[in-house]
PDB file of N, CA and C in Angstrom:
ATOM      1  N   UNK A   1       4.816  28.043   0.122  1.00  0.00           N
ATOM      2  CA  UNK A   1       3.906  26.938  -0.091  1.00  0.00           C
ATOM      3  C   UNK A   1       4.289  26.222  -1.394  1.00  0.00           C
ATOM      4  N   UNK A   2       4.223  24.924  -1.384  1.00  0.00           N
ATOM      5  CA  UNK A   2       4.539  24.117  -2.564  1.00  0.00           C
ATOM      6  C   UNK A   2       3.303  24.015  -3.440  1.00  0.00           C
ATOM      7  N   UNK A   3       3.476  24.311  -4.711  1.00  0.00           N
ATOM      8  CA  UNK A   3       2.366  24.196  -5.649  1.00  0.00           C
ATOM      9  C   UNK A   3       2.238  22.758  -6.112  1.00  0.00           C
ATOM     10  N   UNK A   4       1.016  22.335  -6.284  1.00  0.00           N
ATOM     11  CA  UNK A   4       0.775  21.005  -6.829  1.00  0.00           C
ATOM     12  C   UNK A   4       0.786  21.127  -8.344  1.00  0.00           C
ATOM     13  N   UNK A   5       1.861  20.675  -8.970  1.00  0.00           N
ATOM     14  CA  UNK A   5       2.007  20.819 -10.405  1.00  0.00           C
ATOM     15  C   UNK A   5       1.353  19.691 -11.188  1.00  0.00           C
ATOM     16  N   UNK A   6       0.845  18.696 -10.495  1.00  0.00           N
ATOM     17  CA  UNK A   6       0.178  17.589 -11.172  1.00  0.00           C
ATOM     18  C   UNK A   6      -1.257  18.001 -11.452  1.00  0.00           C
ATOM     19  N   UNK A   7      -1.569  18.212 -12.687  1.00  0.00           N
ATOM     20  CA  UNK A   7      -2.910  18.613 -13.091  1.00  0.00           C
ATOM     21  C   UNK A   7      -3.661  17.395 -13.604  1.00  0.00           C
ATOM     22  N   UNK A   8      -4.910  17.240 -13.203  1.00  0.00           N
ATOM     23  CA  UNK A   8      -5.687  16.129 -13.740  1.00  0.00           C
ATOM     24  C   UNK A   8      -5.829  16.272 -15.252  1.00  0.00           C
ATOM     25  N   UNK A   9      -5.530  15.212 -15.952  1.00  0.00           N
ATOM     26  CA  UNK A   9      -5.616  15.228 -17.404  1.00  0.00           C
ATOM     27  C   UNK A   9      -6.386  13.998 -17.867  1.00  0.00           C
ATOM     28  N   UNK A  10      -7.045  14.149 -18.997  1.00  0.00           N
ATOM     29  CA  UNK A  10      -7.681  12.997 -19.599  1.00  0.00           C
ATOM     30  C   UNK A  10      -6.591  12.211 -20.308  1.00  0.00           C
ATOM     31  N   UNK A  11      -6.442  10.969 -19.951  1.00  0.00           N
ATOM     32  CA  UNK A  11      -5.400  10.143 -20.522  1.00  0.00           C
ATOM     33  C   UNK A  11      -6.038   8.848 -21.017  1.00  0.00           C
ATOM     34  N   UNK A  12      -5.482   8.331 -22.082  1.00  0.00           N
ATOM     35  CA  UNK A  12      -5.992   7.065 -22.617  1.00  0.00           C
ATOM     36  C   UNK A  12      -5.630   5.896 -21.716  1.00  0.00           C
ATOM     37  N   UNK A  13      -4.636   6.079 -20.863  1.00  0.00           N
ATOM     38  CA  UNK A  13      -4.147   4.996 -20.011  1.00  0.00           C
ATOM     39  C   UNK A  13      -4.117   5.444 -18.544  1.00  0.00           C
ATOM     40  N   UNK A  14      -5.277   5.579 -17.904  1.00  0.00           N
ATOM     41  CA  UNK A  14      -5.289   6.047 -16.511  1.00  0.00           C
ATOM     42  C   UNK A  14      -4.571   5.102 -15.556  1.00  0.00           C
ATOM     43  N   UNK A  15      -4.491   3.819 -15.905  1.00  0.00           N
ATOM     44  CA  UNK A  15      -3.786   2.892 -15.019  1.00  0.00           C
ATOM     45  C   UNK A  15      -2.300   3.217 -14.951  1.00  0.00           C
ATOM     46  N   UNK A  16      -1.734   3.706 -16.045  1.00  0.00           N
ATOM     47  CA  UNK A  16      -0.324   4.111 -16.035  1.00  0.00           C
ATOM     48  C   UNK A  16      -0.150   5.316 -15.118  1.00  0.00           C
ATOM     49  N   UNK A  17      -1.090   6.254 -15.183  1.00  0.00           N
ATOM     50  CA  UNK A  17      -1.037   7.417 -14.295  1.00  0.00           C
ATOM     51  C   UNK A  17      -1.119   6.990 -12.837  1.00  0.00           C
ATOM     52  N   UNK A  18      -1.984   6.029 -12.549  1.00  0.00           N
ATOM     53  CA  UNK A  18      -2.126   5.538 -11.183  1.00  0.00           C
ATOM     54  C   UNK A  18      -0.822   4.936 -10.686  1.00  0.00           C
ATOM     55  N   UNK A  19      -0.221   4.088 -11.485  1.00  0.00           N
ATOM     56  CA  UNK A  19       1.038   3.450 -11.095  1.00  0.00           C
ATOM     57  C   UNK A  19       2.123   4.506 -10.888  1.00  0.00           C
ATOM     58  N   UNK A  20       2.162   5.496 -11.765  1.00  0.00           N
ATOM     59  CA  UNK A  20       3.158   6.561 -11.646  1.00  0.00           C
ATOM     60  C   UNK A  20       2.969   7.341 -10.343  1.00  0.00           C
ATOM     61  N   UNK A  21       1.741   7.706 -10.044  1.00  0.00           N
ATOM     62  CA  UNK A  21       1.471   8.483  -8.836  1.00  0.00           C
ATOM     63  C   UNK A  21       1.730   7.662  -7.568  1.00  0.00           C
ATOM     64  N   UNK A  22       1.377   6.388  -7.583  1.00  0.00           N
ATOM     65  CA  UNK A  22       1.679   5.527  -6.433  1.00  0.00           C
ATOM     66  C   UNK A  22       3.186   5.414  -6.232  1.00  0.00           C
ATOM     67  N   UNK A  23       3.922   5.312  -7.330  1.00  0.00           N
ATOM     68  CA  UNK A  23       5.381   5.236  -7.247  1.00  0.00           C
ATOM     69  C   UNK A  23       5.984   6.499  -6.669  1.00  0.00           C
ATOM     70  N   UNK A  24       5.488   7.648  -7.099  1.00  0.00           N
ATOM     71  CA  UNK A  24       5.984   8.920  -6.567  1.00  0.00           C
ATOM     72  C   UNK A  24       5.710   9.018  -5.067  1.00  0.00           C
ATOM     73  N   UNK A  25       4.488   8.687  -4.685  1.00  0.00           N
ATOM     74  CA  UNK A  25       4.116   8.759  -3.271  1.00  0.00           C
ATOM     75  C   UNK A  25       4.968   7.804  -2.437  1.00  0.00           C
ATOM     76  N   UNK A  26       5.174   6.601  -2.951  1.00  0.00           N
ATOM     77  CA  UNK A  26       5.981   5.625  -2.211  1.00  0.00           C
ATOM     78  C   UNK A  26       7.419   6.113  -2.063  1.00  0.00           C
ATOM     79  N   UNK A  27       7.978   6.657  -3.133  1.00  0.00           N
ATOM     80  CA  UNK A  27       9.347   7.174  -3.062  1.00  0.00           C
ATOM     81  C   UNK A  27       9.481   8.303  -2.061  1.00  0.00           C
ATOM     82  N   UNK A  28       8.537   9.227  -2.072  1.00  0.00           N
ATOM     83  CA  UNK A  28       8.576  10.336  -1.121  1.00  0.00           C
ATOM     84  C   UNK A  28       8.418   9.848   0.312  1.00  0.00           C
ATOM     85  N   UNK A  29       7.533   8.886   0.524  1.00  0.00           N
ATOM     86  CA  UNK A  29       7.340   8.365   1.877  1.00  0.00           C
ATOM     87  C   UNK A  29       8.544   7.564   2.356  1.00  0.00           C
ATOM     88  N   UNK A  30       9.209   6.853   1.462  1.00  0.00           N
ATOM     89  CA  UNK A  30      10.440   6.149   1.855  1.00  0.00           C
ATOM     90  C   UNK A  30      11.507   7.147   2.282  1.00  0.00           C
ATOM     91  N   UNK A  31      11.603   8.259   1.539  1.00  0.00           N
ATOM     92  CA  UNK A  31      12.549   9.304   1.905  1.00  0.00           C
ATOM     93  C   UNK A  31      12.221   9.849   3.291  1.00  0.00           C
ATOM     94  N   UNK A  32      10.956  10.165   3.524  1.00  0.00           N
ATOM     95  CA  UNK A  32      10.555  10.697   4.829  1.00  0.00           C
ATOM     96  C   UNK A  32      10.755   9.677   5.951  1.00  0.00           C
ATOM     97  N   UNK A  33      10.554   8.404   5.627  1.00  0.00           N
ATOM     98  CA  UNK A  33      10.719   7.362   6.646  1.00  0.00           C
ATOM     99  C   UNK A  33      12.161   7.287   7.134  1.00  0.00           C
ATOM    100  N   UNK A  34      13.104   7.674   6.281  1.00  0.00           N
ATOM    101  CA  UNK A  34      14.519   7.643   6.661  1.00  0.00           C
ATOM    102  C   UNK A  34      14.974   8.961   7.306  1.00  0.00           C
ATOM    103  N   UNK A  35      14.149  10.000   7.203  1.00  0.00           N
ATOM    104  CA  UNK A  35      14.496  11.300   7.770  1.00  0.00           C
ATOM    105  C   UNK A  35      14.232  11.294   9.274  1.00  0.00           C
ATOM    106  N   UNK A  36      14.886  12.203   9.951  1.00  0.00           N
ATOM    107  CA  UNK A  36      14.685  12.321  11.387  1.00  0.00           C
ATOM    108  C   UNK A  36      13.397  13.094  11.647  1.00  0.00           C
ATOM    109  N   UNK A  37      12.490  12.484  12.365  1.00  0.00           N
ATOM    110  CA  UNK A  37      11.205  13.101  12.663  1.00  0.00           C
ATOM    111  C   UNK A  37      11.295  13.816  14.011  1.00  0.00           C
ATOM    112  N   UNK A  38      10.533  14.886  14.145  1.00  0.00           N
ATOM    113  CA  UNK A  38      10.522  15.649  15.390  1.00  0.00           C
ATOM    114  C   UNK A  38       9.859  14.854  16.510  1.00  0.00           C
ATOM    115  N   UNK A  39       8.860  14.047  16.156  1.00  0.00           N
ATOM    116  CA  UNK A  39       8.170  13.258  17.180  1.00  0.00           C
ATOM    117  C   UNK A  39       7.982  11.830  16.682  1.00  0.00           C
ATOM    118  N   UNK A  40       7.770  10.945  17.615  1.00  0.00           N
ATOM    119  CA  UNK A  40       7.489   9.556  17.287  1.00  0.00           C
ATOM    120  C   UNK A  40       6.215   9.459  16.464  1.00  0.00           C
ATOM    121  N   UNK A  41       5.228  10.270  16.814  1.00  0.00           N
ATOM    122  CA  UNK A  41       3.937  10.239  16.120  1.00  0.00           C
ATOM    123  C   UNK A  41       4.097  10.601  14.646  1.00  0.00           C
ATOM    124  N   UNK A  42       4.944  11.571  14.329  1.00  0.00           N
ATOM    125  CA  UNK A  42       5.183  11.935  12.936  1.00  0.00           C
ATOM    126  C   UNK A  42       5.798  10.768  12.175  1.00  0.00           C
ATOM    127  N   UNK A  43       6.779  10.131  12.766  1.00  0.00           N
ATOM    128  CA  UNK A  43       7.417   8.983  12.140  1.00  0.00           C
ATOM    129  C   UNK A  43       6.444   7.836  11.925  1.00  0.00           C
ATOM    130  N   UNK A  44       5.620   7.604  12.916  1.00  0.00           N
ATOM    131  CA  UNK A  44       4.618   6.545  12.816  1.00  0.00           C
ATOM    132  C   UNK A  44       3.624   6.845  11.695  1.00  0.00           C
ATOM    133  N   UNK A  45       3.209   8.102  11.568  1.00  0.00           N
ATOM    134  CA  UNK A  45       2.263   8.495  10.514  1.00  0.00           C
ATOM    135  C   UNK A  45       2.867   8.275   9.130  1.00  0.00           C
ATOM    136  N   UNK A  46       4.140   8.604   8.967  1.00  0.00           N
ATOM    137  CA  UNK A  46       4.812   8.403   7.680  1.00  0.00           C
ATOM    138  C   UNK A  46       4.873   6.919   7.355  1.00  0.00           C
ATOM    139  N   UNK A  47       5.246   6.100   8.322  1.00  0.00           N
ATOM    140  CA  UNK A  47       5.335   4.657   8.084  1.00  0.00           C
ATOM    141  C   UNK A  47       3.971   4.046   7.780  1.00  0.00           C
ATOM    142  N   UNK A  48       2.930   4.516   8.437  1.00  0.00           N
ATOM    143  CA  UNK A  48       1.586   4.009   8.152  1.00  0.00           C
ATOM    144  C   UNK A  48       1.147   4.402   6.743  1.00  0.00           C
ATOM    145  N   UNK A  49       1.456   5.632   6.333  1.00  0.00           N
ATOM    146  CA  UNK A  49       1.107   6.082   4.983  1.00  0.00           C
ATOM    147  C   UNK A  49       1.890   5.288   3.943  1.00  0.00           C
ATOM    148  N   UNK A  50       3.159   5.022   4.217  1.00  0.00           N
ATOM    149  CA  UNK A  50       3.976   4.218   3.300  1.00  0.00           C
ATOM    150  C   UNK A  50       3.382   2.822   3.154  1.00  0.00           C
ATOM    151  N   UNK A  51       2.993   2.230   4.269  1.00  0.00           N
ATOM    152  CA  UNK A  51       2.395   0.897   4.230  1.00  0.00           C
ATOM    153  C   UNK A  51       1.094   0.910   3.419  1.00  0.00           C
ATOM    154  N   UNK A  52       0.286   1.952   3.593  1.00  0.00           N
ATOM    155  CA  UNK A  52      -0.977   2.056   2.853  1.00  0.00           C
ATOM    156  C   UNK A  52      -0.723   2.151   1.350  1.00  0.00           C
ATOM    157  N   UNK A  53       0.269   2.922   0.946  1.00  0.00           N
ATOM    158  CA  UNK A  53       0.603   3.049  -0.479  1.00  0.00           C
ATOM    159  C   UNK A  53       1.089   1.707  -1.022  1.00  0.00           C
ATOM    160  N   UNK A  54       1.921   1.017  -0.266  1.00  0.00           N
ATOM    161  CA  UNK A  54       2.423  -0.289  -0.710  1.00  0.00           C
ATOM    162  C   UNK A  54       1.274  -1.289  -0.830  1.00  0.00           C
ATOM    163  N   UNK A  55       0.332  -1.256   0.096  1.00  0.00           N
ATOM    164  CA  UNK A  55      -0.837  -2.143   0.012  1.00  0.00           C
ATOM    165  C   UNK A  55      -1.688  -1.795  -1.203  1.00  0.00           C
ATOM    166  N   UNK A  56      -1.892  -0.514  -1.464  1.00  0.00           N
ATOM    167  CA  UNK A  56      -2.676  -0.099  -2.628  1.00  0.00           C
ATOM    168  C   UNK A  56      -2.026  -0.587  -3.917  1.00  0.00           C
ATOM    169  N   UNK A  57      -0.703  -0.528  -3.982  1.00  0.00           N
ATOM    170  CA  UNK A  57       0.008  -1.025  -5.167  1.00  0.00           C
ATOM    171  C   UNK A  57      -0.206  -2.527  -5.343  1.00  0.00           C
ATOM    172  N   UNK A  58      -0.143  -3.273  -4.243  1.00  0.00           N
ATOM    173  CA  UNK A  58      -0.371  -4.722  -4.305  1.00  0.00           C
ATOM    174  C   UNK A  58      -1.796  -5.041  -4.741  1.00  0.00           C
ATOM    175  N   UNK A  59      -2.767  -4.302  -4.202  1.00  0.00           N
ATOM    176  CA  UNK A  59      -4.159  -4.519  -4.583  1.00  0.00           C
ATOM    177  C   UNK A  59      -4.371  -4.222  -6.061  1.00  0.00           C
ATOM    178  N   UNK A  60      -3.741  -3.168  -6.552  1.00  0.00           N
ATOM    179  CA  UNK A  60      -3.869  -2.826  -7.964  1.00  0.00           C
ATOM    180  C   UNK A  60      -3.276  -3.938  -8.834  1.00  0.00           C
ATOM    181  N   UNK A  61      -2.148  -4.493  -8.425  1.00  0.00           N
ATOM    182  CA  UNK A  61      -1.552  -5.605  -9.177  1.00  0.00           C
ATOM    183  C   UNK A  61      -2.483  -6.810  -9.186  1.00  0.00           C
ATOM    184  N   UNK A  62      -3.146  -7.077  -8.069  1.00  0.00           N
ATOM    185  CA  UNK A  62      -4.092  -8.184  -8.012  1.00  0.00           C
ATOM    186  C   UNK A  62      -5.265  -7.946  -8.954  1.00  0.00           C
ATOM    187  N   UNK A  63      -5.756  -6.715  -8.996  1.00  0.00           N
ATOM    188  CA  UNK A  63      -6.859  -6.374  -9.898  1.00  0.00           C
ATOM    189  C   UNK A  63      -6.427  -6.567 -11.344  1.00  0.00           C
ATOM    190  N   UNK A  64      -5.200  -6.150 -11.655  1.00  0.00           N
ATOM    191  CA  UNK A  64      -4.687  -6.331 -13.014  1.00  0.00           C
ATOM    192  C   UNK A  64      -4.665  -7.805 -13.389  1.00  0.00           C
ATOM    193  N   UNK A  65      -4.193  -8.645 -12.473  1.00  0.00           N
ATOM    194  CA  UNK A  65      -4.122 -10.084 -12.756  1.00  0.00           C
ATOM    195  C   UNK A  65      -5.513 -10.680 -12.923  1.00  0.00           C
ATOM    196  N   UNK A  66      -6.450 -10.270 -12.068  1.00  0.00           N
ATOM    197  CA  UNK A  66      -7.809 -10.799 -12.153  1.00  0.00           C
ATOM    198  C   UNK A  66      -8.485 -10.416 -13.464  1.00  0.00           C
ATOM    199  N   UNK A  67      -8.189  -9.244 -13.937  1.00  0.00           N
ATOM    200  CA  UNK A  67      -8.805  -8.758 -15.169  1.00  0.00           C
ATOM    201  C   UNK A  67      -7.936  -9.024 -16.386  1.00  0.00           C
ATOM    202  N   UNK A  68      -6.856  -9.758 -16.174  1.00  0.00           N
ATOM    203  CA  UNK A  68      -5.930 -10.093 -17.262  1.00  0.00           C
ATOM    204  C   UNK A  68      -5.529  -8.821 -18.016  1.00  0.00           C
ATOM    205  N   UNK A  69      -5.206  -7.796 -17.229  1.00  0.00           N
ATOM    206  CA  UNK A  69      -4.878  -6.481 -17.791  1.00  0.00           C
ATOM    207  C   UNK A  69      -3.391  -6.211 -17.585  1.00  0.00           C
ATOM    208  N   UNK A  70      -2.747  -5.772 -18.602  1.00  0.00           N
ATOM    209  CA  UNK A  70      -1.328  -5.444 -18.535  1.00  0.00           C
ATOM    210  C   UNK A  70      -1.118  -4.005 -18.964  1.00  0.00           C
ATOM    211  N   UNK A  71      -0.129  -3.361 -18.359  1.00  0.00           N
ATOM    212  CA  UNK A  71       0.203  -1.995 -18.753  1.00  0.00           C
ATOM    213  C   UNK A  71       0.939  -1.987 -20.063  1.00  0.00           C
TER     214      UNK A  71
END
């Protein structure tokens, strides 16, 4: 079993943590999207999750712009 080594921490810049975690998830999902899946359904699930992460990143960027917030 893979251990989750990411421990929740109090950080002064939680938005940086969010961007970092979204980037990690997107990278892992891109890798899986290129891998050979055992079933079509597995491949479809990976692509849907990748799309959701990419949308979340776009929404976060929009929120940053609306709030005039920069990392």
